[in-house]
Amino acid sequence: MAFWGTNPEEQSKSGQAPAHPGGIEEAYHELVKSKGRAPGIDLAIRLSDMILEHAVTERASDVHIESQGANLRVRFRVDGILQDVLNSPKNSDIPLTQRIRVLAGFDPEPPTSFRNEEGRFQKMLAGRAIQIRVSSFPTVNGEKLVLRVLDRQQLGLDLEQLGMDQESLAMIKKLIRNPYGIFFITGSTGSGKTTSLYAMLKDINSPMINIISLEDPVEYRLEGINQAQISAKTGFTWAEGLRTILRQDPDVIMVGEIRDYETAEISLRSALTGHLLFTTIHTISAPSIIERLFEMGVPPFLIASSMLGAMSQRLVRKICPQCAQKAAPPAEAMVNEFIKNMDPAEGKAIKDLILKPGAEYKVEKGCPACRNTGYLGRTGIFELMIMNEEVRKQVLDHSPTDMIRRTAIQTGKLRTLLMDGILKARGGVTTLSEVIRVTATMV
């Protein structure tokens, strides 16, 4: 899809990634120089604190700490893209990984035989409490640690902050106030599904309703909501947790993920008996959720009678407002090439949307404010499918996903992820190349 512009992911992999402002590399070398004047553990504490402070300042969602042969490598995932911030010779006198292992509640040294190690800790960074979730993994070069930075300030827990247009937002607000039924969210890992679920719960939360959630793990603590952690070790599975919740007089239930027939069946039957459920499921699009439930063995009548709707989402990077440049719309021949393998009705809708006059397309350039990436921050793109009589009929007929998708588009009950992304590109929020990068598997 090169005709949409440069591929920012390739740019970040090319070795031409911009130097990290604030200089973690320089600070690391200063620490190495001072190692004779301070104990190694003190230097490790200073280095770990400095890495985490930079991660919060730079809005990193994940920190990767890796051994690469003789080198120590630290990378930040910012706006979904990994960037090197430190790649220097390791110094055995600064026990960085041991320091983080102790903070996470692990033994200082990695186990000799592999076992799954996951922990968490909390630190005051940038004047606020930040939760850090730690995962350890043994590689041939040594231990790799991945730190997930859970910053409530970056979470944006209001529905209005997710990036939905006013029409979709109004639909969601109406839908989540139904007395019963089930609503599904799908999307790739890191696409903001949990954030959307939390935002919906927060929007309807009040002393008059009993909201209970089942999660694995519980990422953020929400006031006024009863959150439970799944634990396979103790036998508190998704299915067992759901059965227990149903004896707790719930009004609203949030199930972190539906993975199997048993959980799906209990959830959908609960939605029929007067409970409102929100959950996530792993599929590629909103209409394909129905096919996934069929595969699990859920009968069509149960899906058709309990499902309120479904939403698929992804995160796209927003164009940097300081260096964005205006761009002309793509040529019609390029658009024709792009849509040639699409369903004809959907392809025509996409073409009309791209070429419709009045667009404010922009293209990324790069400046110090955005670390020369051309993008700053992210927003959601959404594919919202509301159940109606036509879609229900397709479900009862056990129709394939493409038929359900076509019916939903034709009856005005589905705007695809690509369509929503193009609308955001038309408004100058992001670029067409970024929308294509994120929705490539949908096309």
Protein backbone atom coordinates (compact mmCIF):
# COMPACT_ATOMS: atom_id res chain seq x y z
CA MET A 1 0.00 0.00 0.00
CA ALA A 2 2.92 2.32 -0.66
CA PHE A 3 0.77 4.70 -2.70
CA TRP A 4 -0.82 6.00 0.51
CA GLY A 5 2.51 7.45 1.69
CA THR A 6 5.47 6.26 3.73
CA ASN A 7 5.07 3.33 6.07
CA PRO A 8 5.89 4.67 9.54
CA GLU A 9 6.58 1.18 10.92
CA GLU A 10 9.29 0.61 8.29
CA GLN A 11 10.69 4.03 9.13
CA SER A 12 11.00 3.08 12.80
CA LYS A 13 12.66 -0.26 11.93
CA SER A 14 15.17 1.26 9.52
CA GLY A 15 17.74 2.24 12.11
CA GLN A 16 17.02 5.90 11.40
CA ALA A 17 14.88 6.20 14.51
CA PRO A 18 15.32 9.57 16.18
CA ALA A 19 17.46 9.98 19.27
CA HIS A 20 15.43 9.85 22.43
CA PRO A 21 15.04 13.29 24.03
CA GLY A 22 16.33 13.39 27.59
CA GLY A 23 19.23 11.04 26.79
CA ILE A 24 18.82 7.74 28.70
CA GLU A 25 21.96 6.53 26.90
CA GLU A 26 24.04 9.47 28.15
CA ALA A 27 22.67 9.10 31.68
CA TYR A 28 23.50 5.38 31.60
CA HIS A 29 27.12 6.13 30.66
CA GLU A 30 27.31 8.66 33.53
CA LEU A 31 26.10 5.97 35.92
CA VAL A 32 28.69 3.51 34.59
CA LYS A 33 31.45 6.13 35.19
CA SER A 34 30.32 6.63 38.80
CA LYS A 35 30.17 2.93 39.67
CA GLY A 36 33.32 3.08 41.80
CA ARG A 37 31.82 5.84 43.99
CA ALA A 38 28.44 4.19 44.72
CA PRO A 39 27.26 0.63 45.41
CA GLY A 40 25.96 -1.23 42.35
CA ILE A 41 22.47 -1.64 43.79
CA ASP A 42 22.17 2.14 44.29
CA LEU A 43 23.08 2.64 40.63
CA ALA A 44 20.51 -0.01 39.61
CA ILE A 45 17.83 1.80 41.63
CA ARG A 46 18.73 5.12 39.96
CA LEU A 47 18.77 3.52 36.50
CA SER A 48 15.41 1.72 36.93
CA ASP A 49 13.77 4.88 38.30
CA MET A 50 15.17 6.94 35.41
CA ILE A 51 13.89 4.43 32.80
CA LEU A 52 10.40 4.38 34.37
CA GLU A 53 10.25 8.18 34.69
CA HIS A 54 11.17 8.55 31.02
CA ALA A 55 8.58 5.90 30.11
CA VAL A 56 5.81 7.87 31.83
CA THR A 57 6.99 11.19 30.35
CA GLU A 58 7.12 9.68 26.86
CA ARG A 59 3.65 8.03 27.25
CA ALA A 60 5.14 4.55 26.75
CA SER A 61 2.69 1.67 27.21
CA ASP A 62 5.45 -0.97 27.53
CA VAL A 63 9.15 -1.06 28.43
CA HIS A 64 11.28 -3.92 27.01
CA ILE A 65 14.55 -4.68 28.86
CA GLU A 66 16.64 -7.18 26.89
CA SER A 67 20.06 -8.79 26.90
CA GLN A 68 21.45 -8.71 23.35
CA GLY A 69 24.75 -10.56 23.62
CA ALA A 70 27.15 -8.15 25.35
CA ASN A 71 24.65 -5.29 25.13
CA LEU A 72 21.82 -4.06 27.32
CA ARG A 73 18.89 -2.93 25.18
CA VAL A 74 15.89 -0.91 26.41
CA ARG A 75 12.94 -0.14 24.13
CA PHE A 76 9.74 1.86 24.67
CA ARG A 77 6.47 1.18 22.87
CA VAL A 78 5.06 4.64 22.16
CA ASP A 79 1.81 5.01 20.20
CA GLY A 80 2.03 1.31 19.31
CA ILE A 81 5.55 1.44 17.79
CA LEU A 82 8.72 0.16 19.51
CA GLN A 83 11.68 2.54 19.71
CA ASP A 84 15.23 1.99 20.99
CA VAL A 85 16.10 4.27 23.92
CA LEU A 86 19.24 2.49 25.16
CA ASN A 87 21.61 0.06 23.42
CA SER A 88 24.97 -0.05 25.21
CA PRO A 89 27.47 -2.56 26.57
CA LYS A 90 26.12 -4.33 29.67
CA ASN A 91 27.69 -3.57 33.00
CA SER A 92 27.54 -6.48 35.44
CA ASP A 93 28.13 -4.07 38.36
CA ILE A 94 24.69 -2.46 37.78
CA PRO A 95 22.13 -5.23 38.51
CA LEU A 96 19.17 -3.64 36.69
CA THR A 97 17.13 -6.82 36.05
CA GLN A 98 17.65 -8.04 39.64
CA ARG A 99 16.34 -4.69 40.92
CA ILE A 100 13.17 -4.96 38.81
CA ARG A 101 12.71 -8.63 39.74
CA VAL A 102 12.75 -7.71 43.44
CA LEU A 103 10.25 -4.87 42.87
CA ALA A 104 7.94 -7.33 41.05
CA GLY A 105 8.11 -9.81 43.95
CA PHE A 106 10.35 -12.37 42.17
CA ASP A 107 13.56 -13.94 43.49
CA PRO A 108 16.53 -11.69 42.58
CA GLU A 109 17.98 -14.36 40.26
CA PRO A 110 15.93 -16.01 37.46
CA PRO A 111 14.92 -19.64 38.10
CA THR A 112 17.19 -22.33 36.61
CA SER A 113 14.23 -24.12 35.02
CA PHE A 114 11.50 -22.13 33.23
CA ARG A 115 8.38 -21.12 35.07
CA ASN A 116 5.85 -18.44 34.29
CA GLU A 117 6.71 -15.32 36.30
CA GLU A 118 4.33 -12.37 36.45
CA GLY A 119 4.26 -9.67 39.09
CA ARG A 120 3.42 -6.04 39.65
CA PHE A 121 4.45 -3.06 41.72
CA GLN A 122 3.47 0.58 42.16
CA LYS A 123 5.75 3.63 42.07
CA MET A 124 5.29 7.36 42.43
CA LEU A 125 6.36 8.75 39.06
CA ALA A 126 5.72 12.25 37.66
CA GLY A 127 3.81 13.05 40.85
CA ARG A 128 1.28 10.22 40.62
CA ALA A 129 0.99 6.52 41.44
CA ILE A 130 1.80 4.35 38.41
CA GLN A 131 1.11 0.60 38.33
CA ILE A 132 3.80 -1.49 36.62
CA ARG A 133 3.05 -5.08 35.52
CA VAL A 134 6.15 -7.24 34.95
CA SER A 135 6.56 -10.37 32.82
CA SER A 136 9.77 -12.40 32.64
CA PHE A 137 10.90 -14.58 29.72
CA PRO A 138 14.11 -16.66 29.32
CA THR A 139 16.00 -16.17 26.04
CA VAL A 140 19.28 -17.68 24.83
CA ASN A 141 20.95 -14.30 25.54
CA GLY A 142 19.56 -13.99 29.05
CA GLU A 143 16.37 -12.85 30.70
CA LYS A 144 13.96 -10.48 28.91
CA LEU A 145 11.62 -8.34 31.03
CA VAL A 146 8.55 -6.56 29.70
CA LEU A 147 7.02 -3.88 31.91
CA ARG A 148 3.45 -2.78 31.15
CA VAL A 149 2.95 0.81 32.34
CA LEU A 150 -0.58 1.26 33.69
CA ASP A 151 -1.15 4.99 33.97
CA ARG A 152 -4.70 5.97 34.94
CA GLN A 153 -4.09 9.47 33.59
CA GLN A 154 -3.44 8.05 30.12
CA LEU A 155 -6.41 5.70 30.35
CA GLY A 156 -9.08 8.27 29.42
CA LEU A 157 -11.95 6.56 31.17
CA ASP A 158 -14.74 8.73 29.73
CA LEU A 159 -16.65 7.48 26.69
CA GLU A 160 -16.24 10.93 25.12
CA GLN A 161 -12.43 10.52 25.16
CA LEU A 162 -12.29 7.28 23.17
CA GLY A 163 -12.56 8.96 19.76
CA MET A 164 -16.10 7.97 18.69
CA ASP A 165 -18.13 10.29 16.46
CA GLN A 166 -21.29 11.78 17.98
CA GLU A 167 -23.65 9.34 16.22
CA SER A 168 -21.79 6.21 17.43
CA LEU A 169 -21.40 7.70 20.91
CA ALA A 170 -25.15 8.32 21.17
CA MET A 171 -25.84 4.73 20.00
CA ILE A 172 -23.44 3.26 22.57
CA LYS A 173 -24.88 5.36 25.42
CA LYS A 174 -28.38 4.17 24.54
CA LEU A 175 -27.31 0.55 24.08
CA ILE A 176 -25.47 0.24 27.44
CA ARG A 177 -28.62 1.36 29.25
CA ASN A 178 -30.63 -1.67 28.10
CA PRO A 179 -32.03 -3.66 31.04
CA TYR A 180 -30.61 -6.93 29.66
CA GLY A 181 -28.68 -8.37 26.73
CA ILE A 182 -25.03 -8.91 25.81
CA PHE A 183 -22.64 -6.52 24.04
CA PHE A 184 -19.34 -7.72 22.56
CA ILE A 185 -16.09 -5.85 21.94
CA THR A 186 -13.35 -7.28 19.76
CA GLY A 187 -9.96 -6.07 18.61
CA SER A 188 -6.29 -7.01 18.50
CA THR A 189 -4.14 -7.05 21.64
CA GLY A 190 -3.48 -3.49 22.76
CA SER A 191 -6.38 -2.01 20.77
CA GLY A 192 -8.03 -0.48 23.85
CA LYS A 193 -10.80 -3.05 24.47
CA THR A 194 -10.36 -2.94 28.26
CA THR A 195 -10.37 0.86 28.22
CA SER A 196 -13.66 0.87 26.30
CA LEU A 197 -15.22 -1.66 28.70
CA TYR A 198 -14.16 0.40 31.72
CA ALA A 199 -15.48 3.59 30.11
CA MET A 200 -18.89 1.94 29.55
CA LEU A 201 -19.04 0.67 33.14
CA LYS A 202 -18.06 4.09 34.46
CA ASP A 203 -20.77 5.74 32.35
CA ILE A 204 -23.59 3.63 33.82
CA ASN A 205 -22.16 3.22 37.33
CA SER A 206 -24.48 4.42 40.10
CA PRO A 207 -25.44 3.35 43.66
CA MET A 208 -28.69 1.92 42.25
CA ILE A 209 -27.06 -0.89 40.26
CA ASN A 210 -24.79 -3.77 41.24
CA ILE A 211 -21.88 -4.07 38.76
CA ILE A 212 -19.54 -7.08 39.04
CA SER A 213 -16.57 -7.82 36.81
CA LEU A 214 -14.49 -10.94 36.11
CA GLU A 215 -11.01 -10.06 34.83
CA ASP A 216 -7.65 -11.65 34.15
CA PRO A 217 -5.81 -9.62 35.27
CA VAL A 218 -7.59 -6.71 37.00
CA GLU A 219 -5.68 -3.87 35.34
CA TYR A 220 -7.29 -0.85 37.01
CA ARG A 221 -9.32 -0.54 40.21
CA LEU A 222 -12.66 1.16 39.56
CA GLU A 223 -14.51 2.79 42.46
CA GLY A 224 -18.01 1.43 43.09
CA ILE A 225 -17.50 -1.70 40.96
CA ASN A 226 -16.91 -5.19 42.41
CA GLN A 227 -13.93 -6.57 40.51
CA ALA A 228 -12.80 -10.21 40.74
CA GLN A 229 -9.55 -11.80 39.55
CA ILE A 230 -9.62 -15.13 37.71
CA SER A 231 -7.28 -17.72 39.25
CA ALA A 232 -6.93 -21.11 37.55
CA LYS A 233 -4.74 -22.31 40.47
CA THR A 234 -7.61 -22.01 42.95
CA GLY A 235 -10.27 -23.23 40.50
CA PHE A 236 -11.82 -19.77 40.10
CA THR A 237 -12.25 -20.07 36.32
CA TRP A 238 -14.36 -17.89 33.99
CA ALA A 239 -17.26 -20.35 34.09
CA GLU A 240 -17.09 -20.85 37.87
CA GLY A 241 -16.76 -17.11 38.43
CA LEU A 242 -19.83 -16.46 36.28
CA ARG A 243 -21.92 -19.02 38.15
CA THR A 244 -20.92 -17.40 41.45
CA ILE A 245 -21.70 -13.88 40.17
CA LEU A 246 -25.23 -14.95 39.22
CA ARG A 247 -25.87 -15.70 42.91
CA GLN A 248 -24.65 -12.18 43.85
CA ASP A 249 -27.79 -10.33 42.64
CA PRO A 250 -25.99 -8.53 39.75
CA ASP A 251 -27.53 -5.96 37.40
CA VAL A 252 -24.49 -5.59 35.13
CA ILE A 253 -21.73 -8.16 34.56
CA MET A 254 -18.43 -7.57 32.80
CA VAL A 255 -16.63 -10.73 31.63
CA GLY A 256 -13.04 -9.96 30.62
CA GLU A 257 -13.00 -12.48 27.77
CA ILE A 258 -15.09 -15.31 26.34
CA ARG A 259 -12.81 -18.16 25.29
CA ASP A 260 -14.91 -21.32 25.29
CA TYR A 261 -18.40 -22.75 24.88
CA GLU A 262 -19.14 -23.00 28.61
CA THR A 263 -18.40 -19.33 29.35
CA ALA A 264 -20.22 -18.23 26.17
CA GLU A 265 -23.31 -20.29 26.94
CA ILE A 266 -23.59 -19.10 30.57
CA SER A 267 -23.03 -15.48 29.46
CA LEU A 268 -25.66 -15.52 26.71
CA ARG A 269 -28.24 -17.30 28.88
CA SER A 270 -27.59 -14.76 31.67
CA ALA A 271 -28.27 -11.99 29.14
CA LEU A 272 -31.67 -13.58 28.43
CA THR A 273 -32.63 -13.78 32.12
CA GLY A 274 -32.47 -10.10 32.96
CA HIS A 275 -28.77 -9.24 33.16
CA LEU A 276 -26.74 -6.78 31.07
CA LEU A 277 -23.37 -8.22 30.06
CA PHE A 278 -20.28 -6.65 28.49
CA THR A 279 -17.46 -8.86 27.25
CA THR A 280 -14.58 -9.19 24.78
CA ILE A 281 -13.91 -11.95 22.27
CA HIS A 282 -10.99 -12.48 19.87
CA THR A 283 -12.06 -12.06 16.23
CA ILE A 284 -11.11 -9.79 13.33
CA SER A 285 -14.32 -7.74 12.98
CA ALA A 286 -17.70 -7.09 14.59
CA PRO A 287 -19.73 -9.39 12.23
CA SER A 288 -17.21 -12.25 12.65
CA ILE A 289 -18.08 -12.43 16.37
CA ILE A 290 -21.23 -14.33 15.35
CA GLU A 291 -19.18 -16.88 13.36
CA ARG A 292 -16.86 -17.29 16.35
CA LEU A 293 -19.85 -18.07 18.62
CA PHE A 294 -21.12 -20.59 16.03
CA GLU A 295 -17.67 -22.27 16.10
CA MET A 296 -17.87 -22.54 19.90
CA GLY A 297 -21.15 -24.41 19.52
CA VAL A 298 -23.57 -21.69 20.69
CA PRO A 299 -26.99 -22.24 19.05
CA PRO A 300 -28.15 -19.50 16.62
CA PHE A 301 -31.40 -18.78 18.53
CA LEU A 302 -29.39 -17.95 21.69
CA ILE A 303 -27.18 -15.47 19.81
CA ALA A 304 -30.10 -13.85 17.96
CA SER A 305 -32.23 -13.40 21.07
CA SER A 306 -29.56 -12.16 23.52
CA MET A 307 -27.10 -10.10 21.46
CA LEU A 308 -27.54 -6.31 21.50
CA GLY A 309 -24.63 -5.54 19.21
CA ALA A 310 -20.87 -5.73 18.74
CA MET A 311 -17.99 -3.34 18.32
CA SER A 312 -14.57 -3.87 16.80
CA GLN A 313 -11.84 -1.34 17.45
CA ARG A 314 -8.23 -0.43 16.69
CA LEU A 315 -5.95 2.45 17.69
CA VAL A 316 -4.51 4.79 15.05
CA ARG A 317 -1.79 7.36 15.65
CA LYS A 318 -2.89 10.99 15.49
CA ILE A 319 -0.96 13.30 13.20
CA CYS A 320 1.40 15.70 14.99
CA PRO A 321 -0.32 19.12 14.97
CA GLN A 322 3.02 20.96 14.92
CA CYS A 323 4.45 19.53 11.72
CA ALA A 324 1.51 18.04 9.76
CA GLN A 325 1.37 19.03 6.10
CA LYS A 326 -1.66 19.27 3.84
CA ALA A 327 -2.03 16.48 1.28
CA ALA A 328 -4.03 16.07 -1.91
CA PRO A 329 -6.56 13.22 -2.06
CA PRO A 330 -5.27 10.06 -3.81
CA ALA A 331 -5.86 9.67 -7.53
CA GLU A 332 -9.00 7.78 -8.61
CA ALA A 333 -6.86 5.09 -10.33
CA MET A 334 -5.09 4.38 -7.02
CA VAL A 335 -8.42 4.09 -5.18
CA ASN A 336 -9.76 1.72 -7.87
CA GLU A 337 -6.67 -0.48 -7.39
CA PHE A 338 -7.16 -0.42 -3.62
CA ILE A 339 -10.83 -1.50 -3.68
CA LYS A 340 -10.64 -4.05 -6.53
CA ASN A 341 -10.83 -7.10 -4.22
CA MET A 342 -13.55 -5.74 -1.93
CA ASP A 343 -17.23 -6.60 -1.93
CA PRO A 344 -18.63 -4.32 -4.71
CA ALA A 345 -21.12 -2.52 -2.41
CA GLU A 346 -18.48 -1.89 0.26
CA GLY A 347 -15.85 -0.91 -2.33
CA LYS A 348 -18.16 1.72 -3.84
CA ALA A 349 -18.89 3.15 -0.37
CA ILE A 350 -15.14 3.33 0.38
CA LYS A 351 -14.34 4.97 -2.97
CA ASP A 352 -17.10 7.59 -2.55
CA LEU A 353 -15.88 8.33 0.96
CA ILE A 354 -12.23 8.81 -0.07
CA LEU A 355 -12.93 10.96 -3.15
CA LYS A 356 -15.83 13.01 -1.75
CA PRO A 357 -14.91 16.73 -1.95
CA GLY A 358 -14.19 18.73 1.19
CA ALA A 359 -11.57 16.42 2.78
CA GLU A 360 -8.69 17.90 4.80
CA TYR A 361 -6.15 15.15 4.23
CA LYS A 362 -2.76 15.54 5.90
CA VAL A 363 0.58 13.76 5.67
CA GLU A 364 3.23 13.23 8.37
CA LYS A 365 6.52 15.11 8.29
CA GLY A 366 8.34 14.84 11.64
CA CYS A 367 9.71 17.32 14.18
CA PRO A 368 11.33 17.25 17.66
CA ALA A 369 7.88 17.34 19.35
CA CYS A 370 6.90 13.96 17.83
CA ARG A 371 10.44 12.45 17.84
CA ASN A 372 10.48 12.80 14.03
CA THR A 373 7.71 10.22 13.60
CA GLY A 374 5.06 12.68 12.37
CA TYR A 375 2.56 11.35 14.92
CA LEU A 376 1.67 12.28 18.49
CA GLY A 377 -0.84 10.31 20.57
CA ARG A 378 -3.50 7.82 19.47
CA THR A 379 -7.26 7.68 19.02
CA GLY A 380 -9.71 4.87 18.39
CA ILE A 381 -11.42 3.82 15.18
CA PHE A 382 -14.60 1.82 15.66
CA GLU A 383 -16.82 -0.64 13.81
CA LEU A 384 -20.19 -0.64 15.56
CA MET A 385 -22.80 -3.22 14.54
CA ILE A 386 -26.26 -2.94 16.09
CA MET A 387 -28.52 -5.99 15.90
CA ASN A 388 -31.73 -5.49 13.91
CA GLU A 389 -34.37 -7.83 12.44
CA GLU A 390 -32.46 -8.34 9.17
CA VAL A 391 -29.21 -9.28 10.95
CA ARG A 392 -31.11 -11.52 13.42
CA LYS A 393 -32.67 -13.37 10.47
CA GLN A 394 -29.19 -13.97 9.02
CA VAL A 395 -28.01 -15.30 12.41
CA LEU A 396 -30.99 -17.69 12.69
CA ASP A 397 -30.23 -18.91 9.15
CA HIS A 398 -26.63 -19.60 10.24
CA SER A 399 -25.38 -17.28 7.46
CA PRO A 400 -21.62 -16.82 6.90
CA THR A 401 -19.81 -13.68 8.10
CA ASP A 402 -19.64 -11.96 4.68
CA MET A 403 -23.44 -12.25 4.31
CA ILE A 404 -24.04 -10.83 7.80
CA ARG A 405 -21.52 -8.05 7.11
CA ARG A 406 -23.19 -7.15 3.78
CA THR A 407 -26.65 -7.13 5.36
CA ALA A 408 -25.47 -4.91 8.23
CA ILE A 409 -23.83 -2.43 5.83
CA GLN A 410 -26.85 -2.30 3.49
CA THR A 411 -29.32 -1.75 6.36
CA GLY A 412 -27.19 1.09 7.73
CA LYS A 413 -26.32 -0.82 10.91
CA LEU A 414 -22.57 -1.11 10.25
CA ARG A 415 -19.83 1.37 9.47
CA THR A 416 -16.63 -0.63 9.01
CA LEU A 417 -13.29 0.12 10.72
CA LEU A 418 -11.87 1.25 7.38
CA MET A 419 -14.80 3.63 6.81
CA ASP A 420 -14.41 5.13 10.29
CA GLY A 421 -10.65 5.46 9.77
CA ILE A 422 -11.15 7.23 6.41
CA LEU A 423 -13.56 9.66 8.07
CA LYS A 424 -10.86 10.49 10.66
CA ALA A 425 -8.28 10.91 7.87
CA ARG A 426 -10.70 13.21 5.99
CA GLY A 427 -10.95 15.33 9.13
CA GLY A 428 -7.15 15.62 9.43
CA VAL A 429 -6.98 13.62 12.68
CA THR A 430 -4.72 10.94 11.18
CA THR A 431 -3.36 9.99 7.74
CA LEU A 432 -4.66 7.56 5.13
CA SER A 433 -1.36 5.61 5.31
CA GLU A 434 -1.83 5.11 9.08
CA VAL A 435 -5.45 3.94 8.62
CA ILE A 436 -4.34 1.44 5.95
CA ARG A 437 -1.46 0.21 8.15
CA VAL A 438 -3.82 -0.50 11.07
CA THR A 439 -6.72 -1.98 9.04
CA ALA A 440 -4.59 -3.92 6.51
CA THR A 441 -5.98 -7.30 7.62
CA MET A 442 -9.54 -6.04 7.11
CA VAL A 443 -9.07 -5.22 3.42
